[in-house]
PDB file of N, CA and C in Angstrom:
ATOM      1  N   MET A   1       0.816  -1.191   0.005  1.00  0.00           N
ATOM      2  CA  MET A   1       0.004   0.001  -0.003  1.00  0.00           C
ATOM      3  C   MET A   1       0.866   1.258  -0.002  1.00  0.00           C
ATOM      4  N   ALA A   2       1.926   1.249   0.757  1.00  0.00           N
ATOM      5  CA  ALA A   2       2.819   2.413   0.840  1.00  0.00           C
ATOM      6  C   ALA A   2       3.427   2.683  -0.525  1.00  0.00           C
ATOM      7  N   ASP A   3       3.760   1.623  -1.259  1.00  0.00           N
ATOM      8  CA  ASP A   3       4.328   1.801  -2.585  1.00  0.00           C
ATOM      9  C   ASP A   3       3.321   2.476  -3.499  1.00  0.00           C
ATOM     10  N   CYS A   4       2.061   2.097  -3.424  1.00  0.00           N
ATOM     11  CA  CYS A   4       1.016   2.691  -4.246  1.00  0.00           C
ATOM     12  C   CYS A   4       0.854   4.156  -3.934  1.00  0.00           C
ATOM     13  N   GLU A   5       0.857   4.496  -2.614  1.00  0.00           N
ATOM     14  CA  GLU A   5       0.717   5.898  -2.224  1.00  0.00           C
ATOM     15  C   GLU A   5       1.896   6.723  -2.701  1.00  0.00           C
ATOM     16  N   ARG A   6       3.100   6.155  -2.542  1.00  0.00           N
ATOM     17  CA  ARG A   6       4.313   6.826  -3.019  1.00  0.00           C
ATOM     18  C   ARG A   6       4.257   7.072  -4.523  1.00  0.00           C
ATOM     19  N   ALA A   7       3.870   6.049  -5.247  1.00  0.00           N
ATOM     20  CA  ALA A   7       3.759   6.157  -6.701  1.00  0.00           C
ATOM     21  C   ALA A   7       2.698   7.208  -7.097  1.00  0.00           C
ATOM     22  N   ASP A   8       1.598   7.155  -6.343  1.00  0.00           N
ATOM     23  CA  ASP A   8       0.528   8.124  -6.631  1.00  0.00           C
ATOM     24  C   ASP A   8       0.980   9.552  -6.355  1.00  0.00           C
ATOM     25  N   ARG A   9       1.663   9.740  -5.230  1.00  0.00           N
ATOM     26  CA  ARG A   9       2.193  11.074  -4.886  1.00  0.00           C
ATOM     27  C   ARG A   9       3.215  11.534  -5.949  1.00  0.00           C
ATOM     28  N   ALA A  10       4.086  10.646  -6.343  1.00  0.00           N
ATOM     29  CA  ALA A  10       5.120  10.996  -7.340  1.00  0.00           C
ATOM     30  C   ALA A  10       4.423  11.349  -8.674  1.00  0.00           C
ATOM     31  N   GLY A  11       3.426  10.585  -9.031  1.00  0.00           N
ATOM     32  CA  GLY A  11       2.686  10.873 -10.267  1.00  0.00           C
ATOM     33  C   GLY A  11       1.974  12.215 -10.194  1.00  0.00           C
ATOM     34  N   THR A  12       1.412  12.511  -9.047  1.00  0.00           N
ATOM     35  CA  THR A  12       0.729  13.807  -8.854  1.00  0.00           C
ATOM     36  C   THR A  12       1.721  14.928  -8.930  1.00  0.00           C
ATOM     37  N   GLN A  13       2.878  14.770  -8.295  1.00  0.00           N
ATOM     38  CA  GLN A  13       3.917  15.817  -8.341  1.00  0.00           C
ATOM     39  C   GLN A  13       4.386  16.041  -9.778  1.00  0.00           C
ATOM     40  N   ARG A  14       4.577  14.961 -10.517  1.00  0.00           N
ATOM     41  CA  ARG A  14       4.997  15.119 -11.922  1.00  0.00           C
ATOM     42  C   ARG A  14       3.918  15.852 -12.710  1.00  0.00           C
ATOM     43  N   ALA A  15       2.671  15.512 -12.480  1.00  0.00           N
ATOM     44  CA  ALA A  15       1.574  16.178 -13.170  1.00  0.00           C
ATOM     45  C   ALA A  15       1.511  17.660 -12.818  1.00  0.00           C
ATOM     46  N   VAL A  16       1.735  17.961 -11.552  1.00  0.00           N
ATOM     47  CA  VAL A  16       1.717  19.377 -11.138  1.00  0.00           C
ATOM     48  C   VAL A  16       2.855  20.138 -11.780  1.00  0.00           C
ATOM     49  N   ARG A  17       4.063  19.538 -11.823  1.00  0.00           N
ATOM     50  CA  ARG A  17       5.191  20.188 -12.491  1.00  0.00           C
ATOM     51  C   ARG A  17       4.915  20.373 -13.982  1.00  0.00           C
ATOM     52  N   ALA A  18       4.306  19.371 -14.621  1.00  0.00           N
ATOM     53  CA  ALA A  18       4.004  19.466 -16.042  1.00  0.00           C
ATOM     54  C   ALA A  18       2.993  20.592 -16.296  1.00  0.00           C
ATOM     55  N   ILE A  19       1.985  20.662 -15.444  1.00  0.00           N
ATOM     56  CA  ILE A  19       0.995  21.735 -15.593  1.00  0.00           C
ATOM     57  C   ILE A  19       1.642  23.085 -15.386  1.00  0.00           C
ATOM     58  N   ALA A  20       2.539  23.214 -14.440  1.00  0.00           N
ATOM     59  CA  ALA A  20       3.249  24.477 -14.197  1.00  0.00           C
ATOM     60  C   ALA A  20       4.077  24.866 -15.412  1.00  0.00           C
ATOM     61  N   ARG A  21       4.745  23.884 -16.023  1.00  0.00           N
ATOM     62  CA  ARG A  21       5.521  24.144 -17.246  1.00  0.00           C
ATOM     63  C   ARG A  21       4.622  24.615 -18.394  1.00  0.00           C
ATOM     64  N   ILE A  22       3.485  23.947 -18.519  1.00  0.00           N
ATOM     65  CA  ILE A  22       2.525  24.337 -19.586  1.00  0.00           C
ATOM     66  C   ILE A  22       2.000  25.723 -19.329  1.00  0.00           C
ATOM     67  N   ALA A  23       1.649  26.012 -18.076  1.00  0.00           N
ATOM     68  CA  ALA A  23       1.138  27.359 -17.748  1.00  0.00           C
ATOM     69  C   ALA A  23       2.179  28.436 -18.057  1.00  0.00           C
ATOM     70  N   ALA A  24       3.422  28.164 -17.699  1.00  0.00           N
ATOM     71  CA  ALA A  24       4.503  29.122 -17.965  1.00  0.00           C
ATOM     72  C   ALA A  24       4.669  29.328 -19.467  1.00  0.00           C
ATOM     73  N   SER A  25       4.577  28.233 -20.209  1.00  0.00           N
ATOM     74  CA  SER A  25       4.705  28.308 -21.673  1.00  0.00           C
ATOM     75  C   SER A  25       3.547  29.134 -22.265  1.00  0.00           C
ATOM     76  N   VAL A  26       2.344  28.905 -21.791  1.00  0.00           N
ATOM     77  CA  VAL A  26       1.193  29.641 -22.276  1.00  0.00           C
ATOM     78  C   VAL A  26       1.335  31.119 -21.946  1.00  0.00           C
ATOM     79  N   THR A  27       1.820  31.419 -20.741  1.00  0.00           N
ATOM     80  CA  THR A  27       2.038  32.830 -20.362  1.00  0.00           C
ATOM     81  C   THR A  27       3.077  33.470 -21.265  1.00  0.00           C
ATOM     82  N   ARG A  28       4.201  32.775 -21.507  1.00  0.00           N
ATOM     83  CA  ARG A  28       5.216  33.336 -22.409  1.00  0.00           C
ATOM     84  C   ARG A  28       4.666  33.566 -23.824  1.00  0.00           C
ATOM     85  N   THR A  29       3.869  32.610 -24.290  1.00  0.00           N
ATOM     86  CA  THR A  29       3.271  32.732 -25.638  1.00  0.00           C
ATOM     87  C   THR A  29       2.313  33.904 -25.695  1.00  0.00           C
ATOM     88  N   ALA A  30       1.499  34.056 -24.664  1.00  0.00           N
ATOM     89  CA  ALA A  30       0.563  35.178 -24.619  1.00  0.00           C
ATOM     90  C   ALA A  30       1.280  36.509 -24.598  1.00  0.00           C
ATOM     91  N   GLU A  31       2.350  36.593 -23.808  1.00  0.00           N
ATOM     92  CA  GLU A  31       3.114  37.820 -23.719  1.00  0.00           C
ATOM     93  C   GLU A  31       3.785  38.111 -25.076  1.00  0.00           C
ATOM     94  N   ALA A  32       4.301  37.113 -25.730  1.00  0.00           N
ATOM     95  CA  ALA A  32       4.927  37.305 -27.053  1.00  0.00           C
ATOM     96  C   ALA A  32       3.881  37.734 -28.048  1.00  0.00           C
ATOM     97  N   THR A  33       2.704  37.149 -27.993  1.00  0.00           N
ATOM     98  CA  THR A  33       1.636  37.528 -28.924  1.00  0.00           C
ATOM     99  C   THR A  33       1.250  38.987 -28.713  1.00  0.00           C
ATOM    100  N   GLN A  34       1.120  39.402 -27.457  1.00  0.00           N
ATOM    101  CA  GLN A  34       0.803  40.799 -27.173  1.00  0.00           C
ATOM    102  C   GLN A  34       1.883  41.719 -27.684  1.00  0.00           C
ATOM    103  N   LEU A  35       3.151  41.325 -27.499  1.00  0.00           N
ATOM    104  CA  LEU A  35       4.254  42.153 -28.000  1.00  0.00           C
ATOM    105  C   LEU A  35       4.225  42.215 -29.516  1.00  0.00           C
ATOM    106  N   ASP A  36       3.931  41.073 -30.166  1.00  0.00           N
ATOM    107  CA  ASP A  36       3.849  41.062 -31.624  1.00  0.00           C
ATOM    108  C   ASP A  36       2.712  41.972 -32.119  1.00  0.00           C
ATOM    109  N   LYS A  37       1.557  41.892 -31.454  1.00  0.00           N
ATOM    110  CA  LYS A  37       0.439  42.732 -31.829  1.00  0.00           C
ATOM    111  C   LYS A  37       0.779  44.207 -31.625  1.00  0.00           C
ATOM    112  N   ARG A  38       1.422  44.509 -30.508  1.00  0.00           N
ATOM    113  CA  ARG A  38       1.776  45.888 -30.226  1.00  0.00           C
ATOM    114  C   ARG A  38       2.791  46.389 -31.262  1.00  0.00           C
ATOM    115  N   SER A  39       3.770  45.537 -31.628  1.00  0.00           N
ATOM    116  CA  SER A  39       4.724  45.909 -32.657  1.00  0.00           C
ATOM    117  C   SER A  39       4.037  46.139 -33.984  1.00  0.00           C
ATOM    118  N   ALA A  40       3.094  45.274 -34.316  1.00  0.00           N
ATOM    119  CA  ALA A  40       2.351  45.422 -35.591  1.00  0.00           C
ATOM    120  C   ALA A  40       1.526  46.702 -35.574  1.00  0.00           C
ATOM    121  N   ASP A  41       0.876  46.978 -34.430  1.00  0.00           N
ATOM    122  CA  ASP A  41       0.085  48.206 -34.334  1.00  0.00           C
ATOM    123  C   ASP A  41       0.953  49.444 -34.452  1.00  0.00           C
ATOM    124  N   LEU A  42       2.140  49.398 -33.820  1.00  0.00           N
ATOM    125  CA  LEU A  42       3.073  50.540 -33.921  1.00  0.00           C
ATOM    126  C   LEU A  42       3.561  50.716 -35.346  1.00  0.00           C
ATOM    127  N   ALA A  43       3.863  49.622 -36.006  1.00  0.00           N
ATOM    128  CA  ALA A  43       4.320  49.711 -37.385  1.00  0.00           C
ATOM    129  C   ALA A  43       3.239  50.269 -38.298  1.00  0.00           C
ATOM    130  N   LEU A  44       2.002  49.870 -38.099  1.00  0.00           N
ATOM    131  CA  LEU A  44       0.884  50.380 -38.894  1.00  0.00           C
ATOM    132  C   LEU A  44       0.685  51.861 -38.622  1.00  0.00           C
ATOM    133  N   ALA A  45       0.719  52.238 -37.346  1.00  0.00           N
ATOM    134  CA  ALA A  45       0.565  53.653 -37.001  1.00  0.00           C
ATOM    135  C   ALA A  45       1.673  54.503 -37.597  1.00  0.00           C
ATOM    136  N   ALA A  46       2.895  53.988 -37.569  1.00  0.00           N
ATOM    137  CA  ALA A  46       4.042  54.725 -38.153  1.00  0.00           C
ATOM    138  C   ALA A  46       3.853  54.880 -39.663  1.00  0.00           C
ATOM    139  N   SER A  47       3.334  53.825 -40.326  1.00  0.00           N
ATOM    140  CA  SER A  47       3.120  53.940 -41.759  1.00  0.00           C
ATOM    141  C   SER A  47       2.013  54.947 -42.073  1.00  0.00           C
ATOM    142  N   HIS A  48       0.982  55.027 -41.209  1.00  0.00           N
ATOM    143  CA  HIS A  48      -0.059  56.011 -41.392  1.00  0.00           C
ATOM    144  C   HIS A  48       0.491  57.421 -41.271  1.00  0.00           C
ATOM    145  N   VAL A  49       1.360  57.631 -40.291  1.00  0.00           N
ATOM    146  CA  VAL A  49       1.979  58.948 -40.102  1.00  0.00           C
ATOM    147  C   VAL A  49       2.839  59.302 -41.315  1.00  0.00           C
ATOM    148  N   GLU A  50       3.642  58.357 -41.754  1.00  0.00           N
ATOM    149  CA  GLU A  50       4.530  58.583 -42.892  1.00  0.00           C
ATOM    150  C   GLU A  50       3.696  58.920 -44.137  1.00  0.00           C
ATOM    151  N   ARG A  51       2.650  58.151 -44.396  1.00  0.00           N
ATOM    152  CA  ARG A  51       1.837  58.400 -45.581  1.00  0.00           C
ATOM    153  C   ARG A  51       1.112  59.726 -45.438  1.00  0.00           C
ATOM    154  N   GLY A  52       0.639  60.049 -44.217  1.00  0.00           N
ATOM    155  CA  GLY A  52      -0.011  61.330 -44.015  1.00  0.00           C
ATOM    156  C   GLY A  52       0.903  62.505 -44.264  1.00  0.00           C
ATOM    157  N   GLN A  53       2.163  62.379 -43.856  1.00  0.00           N
ATOM    158  CA  GLN A  53       3.138  63.456 -44.089  1.00  0.00           C
ATOM    159  C   GLN A  53       3.363  63.641 -45.578  1.00  0.00           C
ATOM    160  N   ILE A  54       3.397  62.554 -46.326  1.00  0.00           N
ATOM    161  CA  ILE A  54       3.586  62.660 -47.782  1.00  0.00           C
ATOM    162  C   ILE A  54       2.383  63.388 -48.408  1.00  0.00           C
ATOM    163  N   ILE A  55       1.188  63.014 -48.004  1.00  0.00           N
ATOM    164  CA  ILE A  55      -0.039  63.612 -48.562  1.00  0.00           C
ATOM    165  C   ILE A  55      -0.085  65.102 -48.278  1.00  0.00           C
ATOM    166  N   VAL A  56       0.227  65.467 -47.029  1.00  0.00           N
ATOM    167  CA  VAL A  56       0.202  66.893 -46.671  1.00  0.00           C
ATOM    168  C   VAL A  56       1.272  67.666 -47.465  1.00  0.00           C
ATOM    169  N   ALA A  57       2.460  67.120 -47.615  1.00  0.00           N
ATOM    170  CA  ALA A  57       3.508  67.768 -48.372  1.00  0.00           C
ATOM    171  C   ALA A  57       3.108  67.943 -49.830  1.00  0.00           C
ATOM    172  N   ARG A  58       2.535  66.921 -50.426  1.00  0.00           N
ATOM    173  CA  ARG A  58       2.115  67.012 -51.832  1.00  0.00           C
ATOM    174  C   ARG A  58       1.016  68.050 -52.018  1.00  0.00           C
ATOM    175  N   GLN A  59       0.098  68.109 -51.053  1.00  0.00           N
ATOM    176  CA  GLN A  59      -1.013  69.079 -51.133  1.00  0.00           C
ATOM    177  C   GLN A  59      -0.446  70.498 -51.052  1.00  0.00           C
ATOM    178  N   ARG A  60       0.506  70.690 -50.157  1.00  0.00           N
ATOM    179  CA  ARG A  60       1.144  72.030 -50.040  1.00  0.00           C
ATOM    180  C   ARG A  60       1.852  72.412 -51.354  1.00  0.00           C
ATOM    181  N   GLU A  61       2.547  71.452 -51.944  1.00  0.00           N
ATOM    182  CA  GLU A  61       3.225  71.706 -53.226  1.00  0.00           C
ATOM    183  C   GLU A  61       2.207  72.073 -54.307  1.00  0.00           C
ATOM    184  N   LEU A  62       1.087  71.326 -54.332  1.00  0.00           N
ATOM    185  CA  LEU A  62       0.037  71.631 -55.320  1.00  0.00           C
ATOM    186  C   LEU A  62      -0.505  73.026 -55.133  1.00  0.00           C
ATOM    187  N   ILE A  63      -0.745  73.424 -53.928  1.00  0.00           N
ATOM    188  CA  ILE A  63      -1.269  74.758 -53.647  1.00  0.00           C
ATOM    189  C   ILE A  63      -0.266  75.802 -54.093  1.00  0.00           C
ATOM    190  N   THR A  64       1.001  75.590 -53.819  1.00  0.00           N
ATOM    191  CA  THR A  64       2.057  76.537 -54.259  1.00  0.00           C
ATOM    192  C   THR A  64       2.069  76.667 -55.777  1.00  0.00           C
ATOM    193  N   ARG A  65       2.004  75.544 -56.475  1.00  0.00           N
ATOM    194  CA  ARG A  65       1.985  75.589 -57.952  1.00  0.00           C
ATOM    195  C   ARG A  65       0.746  76.298 -58.488  1.00  0.00           C
ATOM    196  N   LEU A  66      -0.407  75.997 -57.901  1.00  0.00           N
ATOM    197  CA  LEU A  66      -1.634  76.622 -58.368  1.00  0.00           C
ATOM    198  C   LEU A  66      -1.628  78.127 -58.126  1.00  0.00           C
ATOM    199  N   LYS A  67      -1.122  78.542 -56.978  1.00  0.00           N
ATOM    200  CA  LYS A  67      -1.004  79.972 -56.700  1.00  0.00           C
ATOM    201  C   LYS A  67      -0.090  80.644 -57.697  1.00  0.00           C
ATOM    202  N   ALA A  68       1.019  80.012 -58.044  1.00  0.00           N
ATOM    203  CA  ALA A  68       1.972  80.555 -59.009  1.00  0.00           C
ATOM    204  C   ALA A  68       1.310  80.725 -60.379  1.00  0.00           C
ATOM    205  N   LEU A  69       0.355  79.872 -60.671  1.00  0.00           N
ATOM    206  CA  LEU A  69      -0.359  79.958 -61.949  1.00  0.00           C
ATOM    207  C   LEU A  69      -1.555  80.915 -61.898  1.00  0.00           C
ATOM    208  N   GLY A  70      -1.843  81.419 -60.692  1.00  0.00           N
ATOM    209  CA  GLY A  70      -2.959  82.347 -60.520  1.00  0.00           C
ATOM    210  C   GLY A  70      -4.296  81.646 -60.394  1.00  0.00           C
ATOM    211  N   CYS A  71      -4.287  80.359 -60.067  1.00  0.00           N
ATOM    212  CA  CYS A  71      -5.531  79.598 -59.946  1.00  0.00           C
ATOM    213  C   CYS A  71      -6.089  79.691 -58.537  1.00  0.00           C
ATOM    214  N   SER A  72      -7.385  79.423 -58.413  1.00  0.00           N
ATOM    215  CA  SER A  72      -8.023  79.390 -57.122  1.00  0.00           C
ATOM    216  C   SER A  72      -7.527  78.174 -56.343  1.00  0.00           C
ATOM    217  N   THR A  73      -7.245  78.352 -55.087  1.00  0.00           N
ATOM    218  CA  THR A  73      -6.775  77.257 -54.250  1.00  0.00           C
ATOM    219  C   THR A  73      -7.667  76.993 -53.054  1.00  0.00           C
ATOM    220  N   PHE A  74      -8.825  77.599 -53.049  1.00  0.00           N
ATOM    221  CA  PHE A  74      -9.731  77.502 -51.892  1.00  0.00           C
ATOM    222  C   PHE A  74     -10.045  76.023 -51.563  1.00  0.00           C
ATOM    223  N   ASP A  75     -10.496  75.263 -52.562  1.00  0.00           N
ATOM    224  CA  ASP A  75     -10.846  73.858 -52.312  1.00  0.00           C
ATOM    225  C   ASP A  75      -9.627  73.061 -51.878  1.00  0.00           C
ATOM    226  N   HIS A  76      -8.484  73.346 -52.470  1.00  0.00           N
ATOM    227  CA  HIS A  76      -7.261  72.613 -52.142  1.00  0.00           C
ATOM    228  C   HIS A  76      -6.808  72.946 -50.712  1.00  0.00           C
ATOM    229  N   GLU A  77      -6.999  74.188 -50.304  1.00  0.00           N
ATOM    230  CA  GLU A  77      -6.631  74.559 -48.925  1.00  0.00           C
ATOM    231  C   GLU A  77      -7.587  73.923 -47.931  1.00  0.00           C
ATOM    232  N   CYS A  78      -8.842  73.793 -48.298  1.00  0.00           N
ATOM    233  CA  CYS A  78      -9.780  73.086 -47.419  1.00  0.00           C
ATOM    234  C   CYS A  78      -9.374  71.624 -47.256  1.00  0.00           C
ATOM    235  N   SER A  79      -8.988  71.019 -48.366  1.00  0.00           N
ATOM    236  CA  SER A  79      -8.523  69.644 -48.327  1.00  0.00           C
ATOM    237  C   SER A  79      -7.251  69.516 -47.472  1.00  0.00           C
ATOM    238  N   LEU A  80      -6.374  70.503 -47.620  1.00  0.00           N
ATOM    239  CA  LEU A  80      -5.135  70.492 -46.805  1.00  0.00           C
ATOM    240  C   LEU A  80      -5.453  70.514 -45.332  1.00  0.00           C
ATOM    241  N   LYS A  81      -6.443  71.305 -44.953  1.00  0.00           N
ATOM    242  CA  LYS A  81      -6.829  71.363 -43.511  1.00  0.00           C
ATOM    243  C   LYS A  81      -7.302  69.992 -43.036  1.00  0.00           C
ATOM    244  N   VAL A  82      -8.102  69.315 -43.872  1.00  0.00           N
ATOM    245  CA  VAL A  82      -8.568  67.971 -43.502  1.00  0.00           C
ATOM    246  C   VAL A  82      -7.383  67.008 -43.410  1.00  0.00           C
ATOM    247  N   PHE A  83      -6.494  67.065 -44.395  1.00  0.00           N
ATOM    248  CA  PHE A  83      -5.331  66.181 -44.386  1.00  0.00           C
ATOM    249  C   PHE A  83      -4.455  66.422 -43.153  1.00  0.00           C
ATOM    250  N   ALA A  84      -4.233  67.699 -42.833  1.00  0.00           N
ATOM    251  CA  ALA A  84      -3.388  68.074 -41.692  1.00  0.00           C
ATOM    252  C   ALA A  84      -4.026  67.611 -40.388  1.00  0.00           C
ATOM    253  N   THR A  85      -5.335  67.772 -40.265  1.00  0.00           N
ATOM    254  CA  THR A  85      -6.030  67.322 -39.049  1.00  0.00           C
ATOM    255  C   THR A  85      -5.931  65.800 -38.910  1.00  0.00           C
ATOM    256  N   THR A  86      -6.100  65.121 -40.011  1.00  0.00           N
ATOM    257  CA  THR A  86      -6.003  63.658 -40.005  1.00  0.00           C
ATOM    258  C   THR A  86      -4.576  63.233 -39.603  1.00  0.00           C
ATOM    259  N   LEU A  87      -3.587  63.937 -40.132  1.00  0.00           N
ATOM    260  CA  LEU A  87      -2.206  63.646 -39.777  1.00  0.00           C
ATOM    261  C   LEU A  87      -1.964  63.834 -38.283  1.00  0.00           C
ATOM    262  N   GLU A  88      -2.522  64.885 -37.725  1.00  0.00           N
ATOM    263  CA  GLU A  88      -2.396  65.141 -36.283  1.00  0.00           C
ATOM    264  C   GLU A  88      -3.004  63.960 -35.492  1.00  0.00           C
ATOM    265  N   THR A  89      -4.116  63.442 -35.957  1.00  0.00           N
ATOM    266  CA  THR A  89      -4.765  62.299 -35.301  1.00  0.00           C
ATOM    267  C   THR A  89      -3.837  61.067 -35.391  1.00  0.00           C
ATOM    268  N   PHE A  90      -3.260  60.852 -36.572  1.00  0.00           N
ATOM    269  CA  PHE A  90      -2.336  59.714 -36.729  1.00  0.00           C
ATOM    270  C   PHE A  90      -1.143  59.845 -35.798  1.00  0.00           C
ATOM    271  N   VAL A  91      -0.599  61.049 -35.694  1.00  0.00           N
ATOM    272  CA  VAL A  91       0.572  61.261 -34.821  1.00  0.00           C
ATOM    273  C   VAL A  91       0.180  61.037 -33.360  1.00  0.00           C
ATOM    274  N   ALA A  92      -0.990  61.532 -32.965  1.00  0.00           N
ATOM    275  CA  ALA A  92      -1.436  61.322 -31.586  1.00  0.00           C
ATOM    276  C   ALA A  92      -1.672  59.833 -31.287  1.00  0.00           C
ATOM    277  N   HIS A  93      -2.200  59.120 -32.275  1.00  0.00           N
ATOM    278  CA  HIS A  93      -2.423  57.690 -32.070  1.00  0.00           C
ATOM    279  C   HIS A  93      -1.110  56.932 -31.963  1.00  0.00           C
ATOM    280  N   GLU A  94      -0.142  57.265 -32.779  1.00  0.00           N
ATOM    281  CA  GLU A  94       1.161  56.597 -32.697  1.00  0.00           C
ATOM    282  C   GLU A  94       1.777  56.914 -31.337  1.00  0.00           C
ATOM    283  N   ARG A  95       1.725  58.149 -30.890  1.00  0.00           N
ATOM    284  CA  ARG A  95       2.297  58.529 -29.603  1.00  0.00           C
ATOM    285  C   ARG A  95       1.606  57.762 -28.476  1.00  0.00           C
ATOM    286  N   ALA A  96       0.293  57.630 -28.546  1.00  0.00           N
ATOM    287  CA  ALA A  96      -0.471  56.923 -27.518  1.00  0.00           C
ATOM    288  C   ALA A  96      -0.081  55.442 -27.511  1.00  0.00           C
ATOM    289  N   LEU A  97       0.089  54.850 -28.652  1.00  0.00           N
ATOM    290  CA  LEU A  97       0.492  53.433 -28.726  1.00  0.00           C
ATOM    291  C   LEU A  97       1.869  53.246 -28.084  1.00  0.00           C
ATOM    292  N   ARG A  98       2.753  54.201 -28.298  1.00  0.00           N
ATOM    293  CA  ARG A  98       4.114  54.096 -27.718  1.00  0.00           C
ATOM    294  C   ARG A  98       4.054  54.208 -26.190  1.00  0.00           C
ATOM    295  N   LYS A  99       3.102  54.986 -25.667  1.00  0.00           N
ATOM    296  CA  LYS A  99       2.981  55.131 -24.219  1.00  0.00           C
ATOM    297  C   LYS A  99       2.376  53.873 -23.579  1.00  0.00           C
ATOM    298  N   GLY A 100       1.499  53.193 -24.285  1.00  0.00           N
ATOM    299  CA  GLY A 100       0.932  51.971 -23.731  1.00  0.00           C
ATOM    300  C   GLY A 100      -0.569  51.891 -23.936  1.00  0.00           C
ATOM    301  N   PRO A 101      -1.162  50.776 -23.561  1.00  0.00           N
ATOM    302  CA  PRO A 101      -2.595  50.521 -23.829  1.00  0.00           C
ATOM    303  C   PRO A 101      -3.531  51.546 -23.165  1.00  0.00           C
ATOM    304  N   GLY A 102      -3.215  51.996 -21.971  1.00  0.00           N
ATOM    305  CA  GLY A 102      -4.103  52.945 -21.282  1.00  0.00           C
ATOM    306  C   GLY A 102      -4.199  54.278 -22.046  1.00  0.00           C
ATOM    307  N   ALA A 103      -3.069  54.755 -22.523  1.00  0.00           N
ATOM    308  CA  ALA A 103      -3.061  56.023 -23.273  1.00  0.00           C
ATOM    309  C   ALA A 103      -3.831  55.885 -24.596  1.00  0.00           C
ATOM    310  N   SER A 104      -3.686  54.734 -25.214  1.00  0.00           N
ATOM    311  CA  SER A 104      -4.380  54.496 -26.490  1.00  0.00           C
ATOM    312  C   SER A 104      -5.880  54.458 -26.263  1.00  0.00           C
ATOM    313  N   ALA A 105      -6.329  53.815 -25.223  1.00  0.00           N
ATOM    314  CA  ALA A 105      -7.768  53.756 -24.934  1.00  0.00           C
ATOM    315  C   ALA A 105      -8.331  55.140 -24.646  1.00  0.00           C
ATOM    316  N   LYS A 106      -7.565  55.969 -23.913  1.00  0.00           N
ATOM    317  CA  LYS A 106      -8.032  57.333 -23.622  1.00  0.00           C
ATOM    318  C   LYS A 106      -8.130  58.146 -24.907  1.00  0.00           C
ATOM    319  N   LEU A 107      -7.184  57.979 -25.805  1.00  0.00           N
ATOM    320  CA  LEU A 107      -7.203  58.698 -27.075  1.00  0.00           C
ATOM    321  C   LEU A 107      -8.428  58.307 -27.900  1.00  0.00           C
ATOM    322  N   VAL A 108      -8.726  57.016 -27.959  1.00  0.00           N
ATOM    323  CA  VAL A 108      -9.874  56.539 -28.723  1.00  0.00           C
ATOM    324  C   VAL A 108     -11.160  57.128 -28.154  1.00  0.00           C
ATOM    325  N   ALA A 109     -11.283  57.151 -26.833  1.00  0.00           N
ATOM    326  CA  ALA A 109     -12.455  57.756 -26.217  1.00  0.00           C
ATOM    327  C   ALA A 109     -12.574  59.225 -26.555  1.00  0.00           C
ATOM    328  N   GLN A 110     -11.475  59.941 -26.518  1.00  0.00           N
ATOM    329  CA  GLN A 110     -11.473  61.366 -26.841  1.00  0.00           C
ATOM    330  C   GLN A 110     -11.882  61.578 -28.307  1.00  0.00           C
ATOM    331  N   LEU A 111     -11.351  60.793 -29.210  1.00  0.00           N
ATOM    332  CA  LEU A 111     -11.699  60.937 -30.616  1.00  0.00           C
ATOM    333  C   LEU A 111     -13.182  60.613 -30.897  1.00  0.00           C
ATOM    334  N   ARG A 112     -13.711  59.651 -30.146  1.00  0.00           N
ATOM    335  CA  ARG A 112     -15.123  59.336 -30.289  1.00  0.00           C
ATOM    336  C   ARG A 112     -15.997  60.505 -29.813  1.00  0.00           C
ATOM    337  N   ARG A 113     -15.597  61.151 -28.763  1.00  0.00           N
ATOM    338  CA  ARG A 113     -16.352  62.327 -28.280  1.00  0.00           C
ATOM    339  C   ARG A 113     -16.299  63.431 -29.309  1.00  0.00           C
ATOM    340  N   GLN A 114     -15.109  63.670 -29.873  1.00  0.00           N
ATOM    341  CA  GLN A 114     -14.975  64.703 -30.890  1.00  0.00           C
ATOM    342  C   GLN A 114     -15.806  64.385 -32.111  1.00  0.00           C
ATOM    343  N   ARG A 115     -15.814  63.144 -32.535  1.00  0.00           N
ATOM    344  CA  ARG A 115     -16.605  62.745 -33.705  1.00  0.00           C
ATOM    345  C   ARG A 115     -18.068  62.941 -33.452  1.00  0.00           C
ATOM    346  N   SER A 116     -18.527  62.632 -32.228  1.00  0.00           N
ATOM    347  CA  SER A 116     -19.955  62.834 -31.955  1.00  0.00           C
ATOM    348  C   SER A 116     -20.316  64.320 -31.936  1.00  0.00           C
ATOM    349  N   ASN A 117     -19.347  65.187 -31.634  1.00  0.00           N
ATOM    350  CA  ASN A 117     -19.617  66.626 -31.688  1.00  0.00           C
ATOM    351  C   ASN A 117     -19.849  67.091 -33.117  1.00  0.00           C
ATOM    352  N   TYR A 118     -19.237  66.402 -34.091  1.00  0.00           N
ATOM    353  CA  TYR A 118     -19.367  66.800 -35.507  1.00  0.00           C
ATOM    354  C   TYR A 118     -20.499  66.080 -36.174  1.00  0.00           C
ATOM    355  N   ALA A 119     -21.151  65.144 -35.510  1.00  0.00           N
ATOM    356  CA  ALA A 119     -22.155  64.302 -36.133  1.00  0.00           C
ATOM    357  C   ALA A 119     -23.316  65.110 -36.769  1.00  0.00           C
ATOM    358  N   GLY A 120     -23.705  66.223 -36.162  1.00  0.00           N
ATOM    359  CA  GLY A 120     -24.824  66.998 -36.667  1.00  0.00           C
ATOM    360  C   GLY A 120     -24.440  68.004 -37.724  1.00  0.00           C
ATOM    361  N   LEU A 121     -23.137  68.170 -38.012  1.00  0.00           N
ATOM    362  CA  LEU A 121     -22.705  69.176 -38.980  1.00  0.00           C
ATOM    363  C   LEU A 121     -22.741  68.619 -40.377  1.00  0.00           C
ATOM    364  N   ASP A 122     -23.091  69.496 -41.346  1.00  0.00           N
ATOM    365  CA  ASP A 122     -23.069  69.154 -42.741  1.00  0.00           C
ATOM    366  C   ASP A 122     -21.730  69.683 -43.301  1.00  0.00           C
ATOM    367  N   VAL A 123     -20.778  68.797 -43.561  1.00  0.00           N
ATOM    368  CA  VAL A 123     -19.459  69.186 -43.986  1.00  0.00           C
ATOM    369  C   VAL A 123     -19.280  68.851 -45.469  1.00  0.00           C
ATOM    370  N   ARG A 124     -19.821  69.714 -46.321  1.00  0.00           N
ATOM    371  CA  ARG A 124     -19.682  69.475 -47.749  1.00  0.00           C
ATOM    372  C   ARG A 124     -18.730  70.432 -48.356  1.00  0.00           C
TER     373      ARG A 124
END
């Protein structure tokens, strides 16, 4: 009987150690996945900022050329304001992602409030 109890205890201890190893592995995998997602989110945010900077620069160049030709630039300047505002949002989002999840969540909530403020406006 003592041998059975000893074997049972040893088997239980092995099972507990195996479960602990599995749990540690799952934790490491989850942490790595979160880091991978965060890295992917940061890379996407950085590409949005980079693309936004290119769009704003091109729009400014277009306005300069049109002014030199004596053309109206009103619509292009309105577009530039929209592009610049969007770029500011991209930059803020990237900055929030770099600070961490709490900052990103606060930014999203703030942007949702701002968007709801504009919901009733006709922006044509």
